[in-house]
Structure formats: C-alpha cells, structure tokens
Amino acid sequence: MVEGVLRAKFSGSMVGTAVGDAVGAGFEGRGAADSEAIEAAAAGRELLAYTDDTHMMIGMAESLVHREGFDGEHMSRVFIRNYDSEPWRGYGPGPPSVFRMIRSGEPWDKAAGKLYHGGSYGNGSAMRIAPVGVFYHDDLDMLKEVARRSSQITHSHELGKEGAALQAYAIALAINMEPVKDFDSRKFLAELYEFVQQEAYKRKLARVGALLGEADKAKVATDIGNGVEAFNSVPTAIYSFLSHPHSFEETVLFAASLGGDTDTIAAMAGAIAGAYLGVDSVPDKWRSKLENRAYIEELADVLYDVWTRKKRIK
C-alpha cells in the first residue's frame, strides 16, 4: 500500500473515532433516533466536542509515540495526567478510581482488578483502541497482546480485554484493505469470528451475520446490543460498519441512531470506517468542526512516522 494511502488510514481511524464520539455524544442514553435528527443536531453545533472516549484515545497515541511502542506504566501515567487536566470529559466512575489507586502505589496492571471483582468488562478499553489497531496493523500477534495489556490498565475482565482486542483487530483488517465496490462483509466477519475466543463474542458476531441488511434498528439494538458492556457494543459497532462499508457518514449516523451508548458505539464504528476509507471520507461538515482536530491529525501523522521508522529498523 502506498505511503499516502496508509497515512490517511492512520488519520482516518483516529479522526473517525473522535468524530463518531462527538456526533453520537448528544444522544447517549436515549432510545433509537432518526439519522436525520442526529445529522441536524451536529449541523447546529459550532464545535463538535469529544468525550472521554477520544480523550483516552489521544492518551494511548501519545504514549505509543513517546515510548515507540507499548509501555503499560507510561500509558497509565499519561491517562492520569490527561484526566487531571480535563476531568470533565465524561469519565465513568471506574477509570478515575483506578487512577487514584495507581497514584497511591498500586501497579498499573493490578489496580483495575482490585476495583471490581473479576475486573470491568465495559467498553472503555475498546473505545480508545484505534492507535493500537493502526500501529500494530501488520503484526497481529502483537496487536492482540498490546490490546489486551492496554485494557488491563482499566478493564481487566476477560470480556473487557477481548472486546478491546476484537475492536483493534477490526481496525487492522480495515486498514489492510483497499476500499472496493464489492466489499465482502461476510468474509470480514468470518475473520473476526475466527479471531475471538470468548463464546459471548462468537454468539454476538453470529447475530451480526444473521442480521446484516436488517432495517429495523430496534431489532439490531435488542439482538446485538447498545449498552456499555464491551460484548454489547463492539459487535454493534462492527455491524454498523459492515452495513455501510462505503460511507463513513452512514456508518456513524447508523451507529448513533441505535440509542444507548451512542458516543462509544459511533466512535468505534467511526474508527473502523476511517481505517477502511481513509480520513478524506470523513465529511468536511464534521471534520472542520471537530474539537482539537489539528492535534489529532498531527498525532496520527507522528504515530505513522514512528511505525515507519520501527519497520525500517526491523
């Protein structure tokens, strides 16, 4: 793949996360909505402000760039630093509690397991995973390991870690593909099905396959999920992309229209669509109003440069 195309895919996945997050944020916790209402709400805002989803994604990218790869201790400290500077981004109760424990001396990979019995299986580690998906797109063994270890910082349950790995793998598959008219949604889905090991995800991905083409959004939300649990949202984001693989805009609007955890589902769907279609697929009406857009795009470029440098060393 030529350099310009791959660089645009890095940026597309990270900008796609932020745009999906910002577009979906205003409808979080509600029932299903019309895509037209979501589009109108975005059009009426002067700034598309993002939430903790994008804030943590930025932290992941900053740590990967600074350490030229994964360093759990460093990444946890970047999360803490960023949270301390902007705690109003909409963080749930879990991550700040984990951050306090780490500040008090708990190891970065032990704190989350002590907060919840068995660890959290929310979608908080999947929503931020785009930098891992793009950075390790050509090393799927490392991608899986890093996705799971990065999840361990805040979401240490096996279902939380598996959700982060699945989302990262979907991004990697998308970044490795050239956009084509005859995109094979079922082949893409089959590769994801073979990747996951947890039965909860296999069941949900089977439902994704069974429902492809379904027009009833309520049925999609009920059968696949629209909640904060990783297994009730990562497959839904994947469904949103597979239902609209040729349009970033339609992918994000569909994801945000399902109700529930709209910002995170749309962020994850946007990450996959952006990785597949590239940053130029993000409509300018959204991209131009995205909060902190220049920094996110610059960060994606630097992450690409670090990946290129490491690849040459190998």
C-alpha atoms as a PDB file:
ATOM      1  CA  MET A   1       0.000   0.000   0.000  1.00  0.00           C
ATOM      2  CA  VAL A   2       1.405   3.402  -0.967  1.00  0.00           C
ATOM      3  CA  GLU A   3       2.511   5.710   1.822  1.00  0.00           C
ATOM      4  CA  GLY A   4      -0.115   8.413   1.313  1.00  0.00           C
ATOM      5  CA  VAL A   5      -2.991   5.928   1.439  1.00  0.00           C
ATOM      6  CA  LEU A   6      -1.731   4.216   4.586  1.00  0.00           C
ATOM      7  CA  ARG A   7      -1.027   7.521   6.314  1.00  0.00           C
ATOM      8  CA  ALA A   8      -4.593   8.632   5.501  1.00  0.00           C
ATOM      9  CA  LYS A   9      -5.900   5.416   7.056  1.00  0.00           C
ATOM     10  CA  PHE A  10      -3.991   6.050  10.302  1.00  0.00           C
ATOM     11  CA  SER A  11      -5.519   9.513  10.433  1.00  0.00           C
ATOM     12  CA  GLY A  12      -8.905   8.231   9.326  1.00  0.00           C
ATOM     13  CA  SER A  13      -9.175   5.816  12.210  1.00  0.00           C
ATOM     14  CA  MET A  14      -8.193   8.361  14.854  1.00  0.00           C
ATOM     15  CA  VAL A  15     -10.213  11.241  13.427  1.00  0.00           C
ATOM     16  CA  GLY A  16     -13.018   8.756  12.818  1.00  0.00           C
ATOM     17  CA  THR A  17     -13.031   7.845  16.496  1.00  0.00           C
ATOM     18  CA  ALA A  18     -13.271  11.487  17.528  1.00  0.00           C
ATOM     19  CA  VAL A  19     -15.958  12.429  15.003  1.00  0.00           C
ATOM     20  CA  GLY A  20     -18.080   9.389  15.850  1.00  0.00           C
ATOM     21  CA  ASP A  21     -17.699  10.182  19.533  1.00  0.00           C
ATOM     22  CA  ALA A  22     -18.670  13.835  19.067  1.00  0.00           C
ATOM     23  CA  VAL A  23     -21.620  13.158  16.746  1.00  0.00           C
ATOM     24  CA  GLY A  24     -23.007  10.409  18.979  1.00  0.00           C
ATOM     25  CA  ALA A  25     -22.450  12.179  22.302  1.00  0.00           C
ATOM     26  CA  GLY A  26     -25.624  14.247  22.274  1.00  0.00           C
ATOM     27  CA  PHE A  27     -27.827  11.150  22.054  1.00  0.00           C
ATOM     28  CA  GLU A  28     -26.227   8.972  24.730  1.00  0.00           C
ATOM     29  CA  GLY A  29     -28.651   7.148  26.981  1.00  0.00           C
ATOM     30  CA  ARG A  30     -31.674   7.721  24.755  1.00  0.00           C
ATOM     31  CA  GLY A  31     -33.674   5.333  22.646  1.00  0.00           C
ATOM     32  CA  ALA A  32     -33.333   4.927  18.903  1.00  0.00           C
ATOM     33  CA  ALA A  33     -33.265   8.183  16.937  1.00  0.00           C
ATOM     34  CA  ASP A  34     -33.671   9.193  13.315  1.00  0.00           C
ATOM     35  CA  SER A  35     -30.424   9.693  11.438  1.00  0.00           C
ATOM     36  CA  GLU A  36     -31.814  12.999  10.204  1.00  0.00           C
ATOM     37  CA  ALA A  37     -32.207  14.256  13.782  1.00  0.00           C
ATOM     38  CA  ILE A  38     -28.616  13.302  14.601  1.00  0.00           C
ATOM     39  CA  GLU A  39     -27.328  14.978  11.460  1.00  0.00           C
ATOM     40  CA  ALA A  40     -29.338  18.120  12.224  1.00  0.00           C
ATOM     41  CA  ALA A  41     -28.024  18.240  15.791  1.00  0.00           C
ATOM     42  CA  ALA A  42     -24.439  18.000  14.565  1.00  0.00           C
ATOM     43  CA  ALA A  43     -25.082  20.684  11.962  1.00  0.00           C
ATOM     44  CA  GLY A  44     -26.422  23.016  14.638  1.00  0.00           C
ATOM     45  CA  ARG A  45     -23.309  22.831  16.805  1.00  0.00           C
ATOM     46  CA  GLU A  46     -20.448  25.275  16.257  1.00  0.00           C
ATOM     47  CA  LEU A  47     -17.960  22.806  17.726  1.00  0.00           C
ATOM     48  CA  LEU A  48     -18.090  19.009  17.736  1.00  0.00           C
ATOM     49  CA  ALA A  49     -16.679  18.403  21.202  1.00  0.00           C
ATOM     50  CA  TYR A  50     -15.493  14.933  22.130  1.00  0.00           C
ATOM     51  CA  THR A  51     -15.765  12.957  25.364  1.00  0.00           C
ATOM     52  CA  ASP A  52     -13.543  10.644  27.398  1.00  0.00           C
ATOM     53  CA  ASP A  53     -13.577   8.156  24.503  1.00  0.00           C
ATOM     54  CA  THR A  54     -11.395  10.412  22.371  1.00  0.00           C
ATOM     55  CA  HIS A  55      -9.533  11.869  25.333  1.00  0.00           C
ATOM     56  CA  MET A  56      -8.250   8.398  26.248  1.00  0.00           C
ATOM     57  CA  MET A  57      -7.541   7.557  22.597  1.00  0.00           C
ATOM     58  CA  ILE A  58      -5.308  10.621  22.455  1.00  0.00           C
ATOM     59  CA  GLY A  59      -3.513   9.402  25.584  1.00  0.00           C
ATOM     60  CA  MET A  60      -2.906   5.989  24.029  1.00  0.00           C
ATOM     61  CA  ALA A  61      -1.416   7.561  20.910  1.00  0.00           C
ATOM     62  CA  GLU A  62       0.734   9.951  22.940  1.00  0.00           C
ATOM     63  CA  SER A  63       2.182   7.063  24.944  1.00  0.00           C
ATOM     64  CA  LEU A  64       2.798   4.871  21.879  1.00  0.00           C
ATOM     65  CA  VAL A  65       4.617   7.762  20.219  1.00  0.00           C
ATOM     66  CA  HIS A  66       6.684   8.687  23.257  1.00  0.00           C
ATOM     67  CA  ARG A  67       7.738   5.108  24.022  1.00  0.00           C
ATOM     68  CA  GLU A  68       7.715   3.956  20.365  1.00  0.00           C
ATOM     69  CA  GLY A  69       5.503   1.074  21.389  1.00  0.00           C
ATOM     70  CA  PHE A  70       3.547  -0.134  24.384  1.00  0.00           C
ATOM     71  CA  ASP A  71       4.672   0.642  27.918  1.00  0.00           C
ATOM     72  CA  GLY A  72       1.861  -0.002  30.396  1.00  0.00           C
ATOM     73  CA  GLU A  73       3.319   2.032  33.221  1.00  0.00           C
ATOM     74  CA  HIS A  74       3.881   5.021  30.947  1.00  0.00           C
ATOM     75  CA  MET A  75       0.447   4.741  29.336  1.00  0.00           C
ATOM     76  CA  SER A  76      -1.257   4.629  32.727  1.00  0.00           C
ATOM     77  CA  ARG A  77       0.607   7.789  33.752  1.00  0.00           C
ATOM     78  CA  VAL A  78      -0.415   9.554  30.536  1.00  0.00           C
ATOM     79  CA  PHE A  79      -4.040   8.608  31.211  1.00  0.00           C
ATOM     80  CA  ILE A  80      -3.726  10.039  34.724  1.00  0.00           C
ATOM     81  CA  ARG A  81      -2.054  13.242  33.506  1.00  0.00           C
ATOM     82  CA  ASN A  82      -4.702  13.822  30.860  1.00  0.00           C
ATOM     83  CA  TYR A  83      -7.545  13.062  33.263  1.00  0.00           C
ATOM     84  CA  ASP A  84      -6.145  15.507  35.819  1.00  0.00           C
ATOM     85  CA  SER A  85      -6.025  18.251  33.195  1.00  0.00           C
ATOM     86  CA  GLU A  86      -9.546  17.621  31.835  1.00  0.00           C
ATOM     87  CA  PRO A  87     -11.592  15.554  34.323  1.00  0.00           C
ATOM     88  CA  TRP A  88     -14.857  16.936  32.916  1.00  0.00           C
ATOM     89  CA  ARG A  89     -14.727  14.864  29.714  1.00  0.00           C
ATOM     90  CA  GLY A  90     -17.459  12.495  30.915  1.00  0.00           C
ATOM     91  CA  TYR A  91     -15.415   9.746  32.528  1.00  0.00           C
ATOM     92  CA  GLY A  92     -17.349   6.974  34.229  1.00  0.00           C
ATOM     93  CA  PRO A  93     -16.555   6.133  37.862  1.00  0.00           C
ATOM     94  CA  GLY A  94     -14.137   3.289  37.082  1.00  0.00           C
ATOM     95  CA  PRO A  95     -11.077   4.900  35.443  1.00  0.00           C
ATOM     96  CA  PRO A  96     -10.710   7.775  37.949  1.00  0.00           C
ATOM     97  CA  SER A  97     -10.859   5.237  40.786  1.00  0.00           C
ATOM     98  CA  VAL A  98      -8.177   3.154  39.074  1.00  0.00           C
ATOM     99  CA  PHE A  99      -6.077   6.276  38.558  1.00  0.00           C
ATOM    100  CA  ARG A 100      -6.266   7.101  42.271  1.00  0.00           C
ATOM    101  CA  MET A 101      -5.135   3.586  43.138  1.00  0.00           C
ATOM    102  CA  ILE A 102      -2.165   3.793  40.753  1.00  0.00           C
ATOM    103  CA  ARG A 103      -1.206   7.179  42.176  1.00  0.00           C
ATOM    104  CA  SER A 104      -1.295   5.571  45.630  1.00  0.00           C
ATOM    105  CA  GLY A 105       1.194   2.911  44.578  1.00  0.00           C
ATOM    106  CA  GLU A 106      -0.799   0.070  43.034  1.00  0.00           C
ATOM    107  CA  PRO A 107       0.935  -1.415  39.962  1.00  0.00           C
ATOM    108  CA  TRP A 108      -0.590  -0.272  36.671  1.00  0.00           C
ATOM    109  CA  ASP A 109      -1.668  -3.813  35.789  1.00  0.00           C
ATOM    110  CA  LYS A 110      -3.138  -4.724  39.190  1.00  0.00           C
ATOM    111  CA  ALA A 111      -5.264  -1.756  40.208  1.00  0.00           C
ATOM    112  CA  ALA A 112      -8.275  -2.426  37.953  1.00  0.00           C
ATOM    113  CA  GLY A 113      -8.634  -5.995  39.204  1.00  0.00           C
ATOM    114  CA  LYS A 114      -8.897  -4.734  42.762  1.00  0.00           C
ATOM    115  CA  LEU A 115     -11.621  -2.222  41.934  1.00  0.00           C
ATOM    116  CA  TYR A 116     -14.133  -4.718  40.547  1.00  0.00           C
ATOM    117  CA  HIS A 117     -14.286  -8.403  41.401  1.00  0.00           C
ATOM    118  CA  GLY A 118     -13.013 -10.065  38.252  1.00  0.00           C
ATOM    119  CA  GLY A 119     -12.373  -6.701  36.608  1.00  0.00           C
ATOM    120  CA  SER A 120     -14.564  -4.478  34.443  1.00  0.00           C
ATOM    121  CA  TYR A 121     -15.979  -5.738  31.142  1.00  0.00           C
ATOM    122  CA  GLY A 122     -17.172  -2.333  29.997  1.00  0.00           C
ATOM    123  CA  ASN A 123     -16.305  -0.918  26.575  1.00  0.00           C
ATOM    124  CA  GLY A 124     -13.902   1.713  27.912  1.00  0.00           C
ATOM    125  CA  SER A 125     -10.777  -0.023  26.666  1.00  0.00           C
ATOM    126  CA  ALA A 126     -12.255  -0.760  23.225  1.00  0.00           C
ATOM    127  CA  MET A 127     -13.445   2.794  22.610  1.00  0.00           C
ATOM    128  CA  ARG A 128      -9.881   4.169  22.802  1.00  0.00           C
ATOM    129  CA  ILE A 129      -8.043   1.381  20.945  1.00  0.00           C
ATOM    130  CA  ALA A 130      -7.669   2.922  17.457  1.00  0.00           C
ATOM    131  CA  PRO A 131      -3.972   3.854  17.927  1.00  0.00           C
ATOM    132  CA  VAL A 132      -3.164   0.220  18.783  1.00  0.00           C
ATOM    133  CA  GLY A 133      -5.182  -1.024  15.810  1.00  0.00           C
ATOM    134  CA  VAL A 134      -3.299   1.160  13.345  1.00  0.00           C
ATOM    135  CA  PHE A 135       0.160   0.919  14.925  1.00  0.00           C
ATOM    136  CA  TYR A 136       0.150  -2.880  15.033  1.00  0.00           C
ATOM    137  CA  HIS A 137      -1.897  -3.487  11.880  1.00  0.00           C
ATOM    138  CA  ASP A 138       0.935  -5.519  10.335  1.00  0.00           C
ATOM    139  CA  ASP A 139       1.724  -7.611  13.444  1.00  0.00           C
ATOM    140  CA  LEU A 140      -1.492  -9.238  14.593  1.00  0.00           C
ATOM    141  CA  ASP A 141       0.102 -11.238  17.398  1.00  0.00           C
ATOM    142  CA  MET A 142       1.464  -8.047  18.946  1.00  0.00           C
ATOM    143  CA  LEU A 143      -1.816  -6.272  18.252  1.00  0.00           C
ATOM    144  CA  LYS A 144      -3.717  -8.834  20.294  1.00  0.00           C
ATOM    145  CA  GLU A 145      -1.186  -8.782  23.122  1.00  0.00           C
ATOM    146  CA  VAL A 146      -0.996  -4.990  23.329  1.00  0.00           C
ATOM    147  CA  ALA A 147      -4.763  -4.529  23.059  1.00  0.00           C
ATOM    148  CA  ARG A 148      -5.277  -6.885  25.974  1.00  0.00           C
ATOM    149  CA  ARG A 149      -2.453  -5.428  28.073  1.00  0.00           C
ATOM    150  CA  SER A 150      -3.621  -1.867  27.455  1.00  0.00           C
ATOM    151  CA  SER A 151      -7.105  -2.921  28.543  1.00  0.00           C
ATOM    152  CA  GLN A 152      -5.614  -4.309  31.750  1.00  0.00           C
ATOM    153  CA  ILE A 153      -4.962  -0.746  32.952  1.00  0.00           C
ATOM    154  CA  THR A 154      -8.670  -0.053  33.473  1.00  0.00           C
ATOM    155  CA  HIS A 155     -10.698  -3.054  32.232  1.00  0.00           C
ATOM    156  CA  SER A 156      -9.141  -6.310  33.391  1.00  0.00           C
ATOM    157  CA  HIS A 157     -12.047  -8.724  32.895  1.00  0.00           C
ATOM    158  CA  GLU A 158     -11.507 -11.220  30.069  1.00  0.00           C
ATOM    159  CA  LEU A 159     -14.582  -9.891  28.272  1.00  0.00           C
ATOM    160  CA  GLY A 160     -13.242  -6.343  28.505  1.00  0.00           C
ATOM    161  CA  LYS A 161      -9.847  -7.356  27.160  1.00  0.00           C
ATOM    162  CA  GLU A 162     -11.400  -9.459  24.405  1.00  0.00           C
ATOM    163  CA  GLY A 163     -13.571  -6.520  23.345  1.00  0.00           C
ATOM    164  CA  ALA A 164     -10.535  -4.259  23.031  1.00  0.00           C
ATOM    165  CA  ALA A 165      -8.681  -6.913  21.028  1.00  0.00           C
ATOM    166  CA  LEU A 166     -11.653  -7.504  18.724  1.00  0.00           C
ATOM    167  CA  GLN A 167     -12.066  -3.788  18.011  1.00  0.00           C
ATOM    168  CA  ALA A 168      -8.336  -3.422  17.359  1.00  0.00           C
ATOM    169  CA  TYR A 169      -8.416  -6.415  15.010  1.00  0.00           C
ATOM    170  CA  ALA A 170     -11.385  -4.993  13.092  1.00  0.00           C
ATOM    171  CA  ILE A 171      -9.427  -1.744  12.630  1.00  0.00           C
ATOM    172  CA  ALA A 172      -6.347  -3.684  11.478  1.00  0.00           C
ATOM    173  CA  LEU A 173      -8.371  -5.684   8.956  1.00  0.00           C
ATOM    174  CA  ALA A 174      -9.887  -2.460   7.636  1.00  0.00           C
ATOM    175  CA  ILE A 175      -6.569  -0.645   7.359  1.00  0.00           C
ATOM    176  CA  ASN A 176      -5.058  -3.535   5.406  1.00  0.00           C
ATOM    177  CA  MET A 177      -7.830  -3.484   2.775  1.00  0.00           C
ATOM    178  CA  GLU A 178      -8.192  -1.293  -0.264  1.00  0.00           C
ATOM    179  CA  PRO A 179     -11.721   0.163  -0.494  1.00  0.00           C
ATOM    180  CA  VAL A 180     -13.606  -1.717  -3.205  1.00  0.00           C
ATOM    181  CA  LYS A 181     -17.118  -1.657  -4.584  1.00  0.00           C
ATOM    182  CA  ASP A 182     -17.712  -5.331  -3.901  1.00  0.00           C
ATOM    183  CA  PHE A 183     -16.654  -5.275  -0.240  1.00  0.00           C
ATOM    184  CA  ASP A 184     -17.349  -8.704   1.260  1.00  0.00           C
ATOM    185  CA  SER A 185     -18.944  -8.084   4.639  1.00  0.00           C
ATOM    186  CA  ARG A 186     -19.301 -11.783   5.381  1.00  0.00           C
ATOM    187  CA  LYS A 187     -15.651 -12.537   4.715  1.00  0.00           C
ATOM    188  CA  PHE A 188     -14.639  -9.674   7.005  1.00  0.00           C
ATOM    189  CA  LEU A 189     -16.984 -11.005   9.671  1.00  0.00           C
ATOM    190  CA  ALA A 190     -15.687 -14.550   9.293  1.00  0.00           C
ATOM    191  CA  GLU A 191     -12.149 -13.386  10.041  1.00  0.00           C
ATOM    192  CA  LEU A 192     -13.356 -11.646  13.188  1.00  0.00           C
ATOM    193  CA  TYR A 193     -15.241 -14.773  14.248  1.00  0.00           C
ATOM    194  CA  GLU A 194     -12.087 -16.860  13.908  1.00  0.00           C
ATOM    195  CA  PHE A 195     -10.117 -14.284  15.897  1.00  0.00           C
ATOM    196  CA  VAL A 196     -12.257 -14.215  19.041  1.00  0.00           C
ATOM    197  CA  GLN A 197     -12.164 -16.954  21.642  1.00  0.00           C
ATOM    198  CA  GLN A 198     -14.813 -15.890  24.144  1.00  0.00           C
ATOM    199  CA  GLU A 199     -18.166 -17.525  23.458  1.00  0.00           C
ATOM    200  CA  ALA A 200     -20.043 -14.299  24.275  1.00  0.00           C
ATOM    201  CA  TYR A 201     -18.398 -12.627  21.285  1.00  0.00           C
ATOM    202  CA  LYS A 202     -18.847 -15.591  18.983  1.00  0.00           C
ATOM    203  CA  ARG A 203     -22.569 -15.525  19.726  1.00  0.00           C
ATOM    204  CA  LYS A 204     -22.810 -11.806  19.062  1.00  0.00           C
ATOM    205  CA  LEU A 205     -20.825 -11.977  15.834  1.00  0.00           C
ATOM    206  CA  ALA A 206     -23.115 -14.790  14.688  1.00  0.00           C
ATOM    207  CA  ARG A 207     -26.054 -12.459  15.285  1.00  0.00           C
ATOM    208  CA  VAL A 208     -24.257  -9.742  13.306  1.00  0.00           C
ATOM    209  CA  GLY A 209     -24.105 -12.124  10.360  1.00  0.00           C
ATOM    210  CA  ALA A 210     -27.728 -13.134  10.721  1.00  0.00           C
ATOM    211  CA  LEU A 211     -28.938  -9.528  10.846  1.00  0.00           C
ATOM    212  CA  LEU A 212     -26.882  -7.991   8.014  1.00  0.00           C
ATOM    213  CA  GLY A 213     -29.295  -5.948   5.938  1.00  0.00           C
ATOM    214  CA  GLU A 214     -31.841  -5.598   8.750  1.00  0.00           C
ATOM    215  CA  ALA A 215     -33.685  -2.271   8.527  1.00  0.00           C
ATOM    216  CA  ASP A 216     -35.317  -2.454  11.971  1.00  0.00           C
ATOM    217  CA  LYS A 217     -32.936  -0.558  14.259  1.00  0.00           C
ATOM    218  CA  ALA A 218     -34.790  -1.679  17.375  1.00  0.00           C
ATOM    219  CA  LYS A 219     -34.172  -5.295  16.425  1.00  0.00           C
ATOM    220  CA  VAL A 220     -30.471  -4.620  15.858  1.00  0.00           C
ATOM    221  CA  ALA A 221     -30.161  -2.869  19.224  1.00  0.00           C
ATOM    222  CA  THR A 222     -32.052  -5.639  21.007  1.00  0.00           C
ATOM    223  CA  ASP A 223     -30.331  -8.600  19.360  1.00  0.00           C
ATOM    224  CA  ILE A 224     -26.747  -7.308  19.217  1.00  0.00           C
ATOM    225  CA  GLY A 225     -26.834  -4.697  21.966  1.00  0.00           C
ATOM    226  CA  ASN A 226     -26.300  -0.991  22.566  1.00  0.00           C
ATOM    227  CA  GLY A 227     -25.080  -0.988  26.164  1.00  0.00           C
ATOM    228  CA  VAL A 228     -21.836  -0.110  27.899  1.00  0.00           C
ATOM    229  CA  GLU A 229     -20.639  -3.711  28.148  1.00  0.00           C
ATOM    230  CA  ALA A 230     -17.975  -4.487  25.575  1.00  0.00           C
ATOM    231  CA  PHE A 231     -19.843  -7.517  24.223  1.00  0.00           C
ATOM    232  CA  ASN A 232     -22.980  -5.380  23.826  1.00  0.00           C
ATOM    233  CA  SER A 233     -21.284  -2.606  21.874  1.00  0.00           C
ATOM    234  CA  VAL A 234     -18.159  -3.717  19.984  1.00  0.00           C
ATOM    235  CA  PRO A 235     -20.164  -6.154  17.788  1.00  0.00           C
ATOM    236  CA  THR A 236     -22.734  -3.379  17.255  1.00  0.00           C
ATOM    237  CA  ALA A 237     -20.046  -1.005  16.024  1.00  0.00           C
ATOM    238  CA  ILE A 238     -18.826  -3.718  13.671  1.00  0.00           C
ATOM    239  CA  TYR A 239     -22.386  -4.248  12.412  1.00  0.00           C
ATOM    240  CA  SER A 240     -22.741  -0.502  11.775  1.00  0.00           C
ATOM    241  CA  PHE A 241     -19.641  -0.541   9.583  1.00  0.00           C
ATOM    242  CA  LEU A 242     -20.484  -3.778   7.756  1.00  0.00           C
ATOM    243  CA  SER A 243     -23.943  -2.422   6.946  1.00  0.00           C
ATOM    244  CA  HIS A 244     -22.475   0.735   5.368  1.00  0.00           C
ATOM    245  CA  PRO A 245     -18.878  -0.053   4.318  1.00  0.00           C
ATOM    246  CA  HIS A 246     -18.786   2.536   1.552  1.00  0.00           C
ATOM    247  CA  SER A 247     -19.822   5.555   3.621  1.00  0.00           C
ATOM    248  CA  PHE A 248     -18.221   6.919   6.782  1.00  0.00           C
ATOM    249  CA  GLU A 249     -21.181   9.238   7.290  1.00  0.00           C
ATOM    250  CA  GLU A 250     -23.807   6.497   7.050  1.00  0.00           C
ATOM    251  CA  THR A 251     -21.788   4.220   9.335  1.00  0.00           C
ATOM    252  CA  VAL A 252     -21.603   6.838  12.092  1.00  0.00           C
ATOM    253  CA  LEU A 253     -25.202   8.017  11.730  1.00  0.00           C
ATOM    254  CA  PHE A 254     -26.466   4.439  11.907  1.00  0.00           C
ATOM    255  CA  ALA A 255     -24.362   3.664  14.987  1.00  0.00           C
ATOM    256  CA  ALA A 256     -25.502   6.830  16.757  1.00  0.00           C
ATOM    257  CA  SER A 257     -29.150   6.194  15.855  1.00  0.00           C
ATOM    258  CA  LEU A 258     -29.356   2.885  17.741  1.00  0.00           C
ATOM    259  CA  GLY A 259     -29.680   4.529  21.156  1.00  0.00           C
ATOM    260  CA  GLY A 260     -27.910   3.508  24.335  1.00  0.00           C
ATOM    261  CA  ASP A 261     -24.165   4.153  24.489  1.00  0.00           C
ATOM    262  CA  THR A 262     -24.252   6.155  21.283  1.00  0.00           C
ATOM    263  CA  ASP A 263     -20.991   8.070  21.613  1.00  0.00           C
ATOM    264  CA  THR A 264     -18.868   4.979  22.174  1.00  0.00           C
ATOM    265  CA  ILE A 265     -20.584   2.799  19.576  1.00  0.00           C
ATOM    266  CA  ALA A 266     -20.309   5.582  16.996  1.00  0.00           C
ATOM    267  CA  ALA A 267     -16.675   6.222  17.991  1.00  0.00           C
ATOM    268  CA  MET A 268     -15.780   2.560  17.444  1.00  0.00           C
ATOM    269  CA  ALA A 269     -17.739   2.362  14.185  1.00  0.00           C
ATOM    270  CA  GLY A 270     -16.042   5.557  13.007  1.00  0.00           C
ATOM    271  CA  ALA A 271     -12.634   4.108  13.859  1.00  0.00           C
ATOM    272  CA  ILE A 272     -13.239   1.084  11.621  1.00  0.00           C
ATOM    273  CA  ALA A 273     -14.796   3.077   8.772  1.00  0.00           C
ATOM    274  CA  GLY A 274     -11.996   5.655   8.908  1.00  0.00           C
ATOM    275  CA  ALA A 275      -9.373   2.906   8.831  1.00  0.00           C
ATOM    276  CA  TYR A 276     -11.004   1.397   5.749  1.00  0.00           C
ATOM    277  CA  LEU A 277     -11.900   4.546   3.806  1.00  0.00           C
ATOM    278  CA  GLY A 278      -9.234   6.996   4.978  1.00  0.00           C
ATOM    279  CA  VAL A 279      -9.511  10.435   6.531  1.00  0.00           C
ATOM    280  CA  ASP A 280     -10.867  12.083   3.383  1.00  0.00           C
ATOM    281  CA  SER A 281     -14.035  10.003   3.783  1.00  0.00           C
ATOM    282  CA  VAL A 282     -14.913  11.971   6.931  1.00  0.00           C
ATOM    283  CA  PRO A 283     -17.358  14.664   5.799  1.00  0.00           C
ATOM    284  CA  ASP A 284     -15.853  18.129   5.964  1.00  0.00           C
ATOM    285  CA  LYS A 285     -19.024  19.407   7.660  1.00  0.00           C
ATOM    286  CA  TRP A 286     -17.952  17.325  10.670  1.00  0.00           C
ATOM    287  CA  ARG A 287     -14.197  17.242  10.310  1.00  0.00           C
ATOM    288  CA  SER A 288     -13.888  21.032  10.051  1.00  0.00           C
ATOM    289  CA  LYS A 289     -15.786  21.489  13.347  1.00  0.00           C
ATOM    290  CA  LEU A 290     -14.069  18.723  15.295  1.00  0.00           C
ATOM    291  CA  GLU A 291     -12.530  19.895  18.535  1.00  0.00           C
ATOM    292  CA  ASN A 292      -8.729  19.668  18.565  1.00  0.00           C
ATOM    293  CA  ARG A 293      -8.744  18.290  15.022  1.00  0.00           C
ATOM    294  CA  ALA A 294      -5.331  19.639  14.060  1.00  0.00           C
ATOM    295  CA  TYR A 295      -3.684  17.974  17.053  1.00  0.00           C
ATOM    296  CA  ILE A 296      -5.413  14.625  16.450  1.00  0.00           C
ATOM    297  CA  GLU A 297      -4.346  14.639  12.812  1.00  0.00           C
ATOM    298  CA  GLU A 298      -0.804  15.650  13.747  1.00  0.00           C
ATOM    299  CA  LEU A 299      -0.668  12.884  16.361  1.00  0.00           C
ATOM    300  CA  ALA A 300      -1.822  10.334  13.775  1.00  0.00           C
ATOM    301  CA  ASP A 301       0.913  11.519  11.407  1.00  0.00           C
ATOM    302  CA  VAL A 302       3.593  11.212  14.098  1.00  0.00           C
ATOM    303  CA  LEU A 303       2.313   7.748  15.034  1.00  0.00           C
ATOM    304  CA  TYR A 304       2.614   6.754  11.373  1.00  0.00           C
ATOM    305  CA  ASP A 305       6.167   8.107  11.269  1.00  0.00           C
ATOM    306  CA  VAL A 306       7.121   6.104  14.385  1.00  0.00           C
ATOM    307  CA  TRP A 307       5.612   2.964  12.830  1.00  0.00           C
ATOM    308  CA  THR A 308       7.551   3.592   9.611  1.00  0.00           C
ATOM    309  CA  ARG A 309      10.812   4.078  11.493  1.00  0.00           C
ATOM    310  CA  LYS A 310      10.369   0.905  13.532  1.00  0.00           C
ATOM    311  CA  LYS A 311       9.501  -1.030  10.386  1.00  0.00           C
ATOM    312  CA  ARG A 312      12.725   0.105   8.702  1.00  0.00           C
ATOM    313  CA  ILE A 313      14.783  -0.952  11.738  1.00  0.00           C
ATOM    314  CA  LYS A 314      13.298  -4.445  11.530  1.00  0.00           C
END
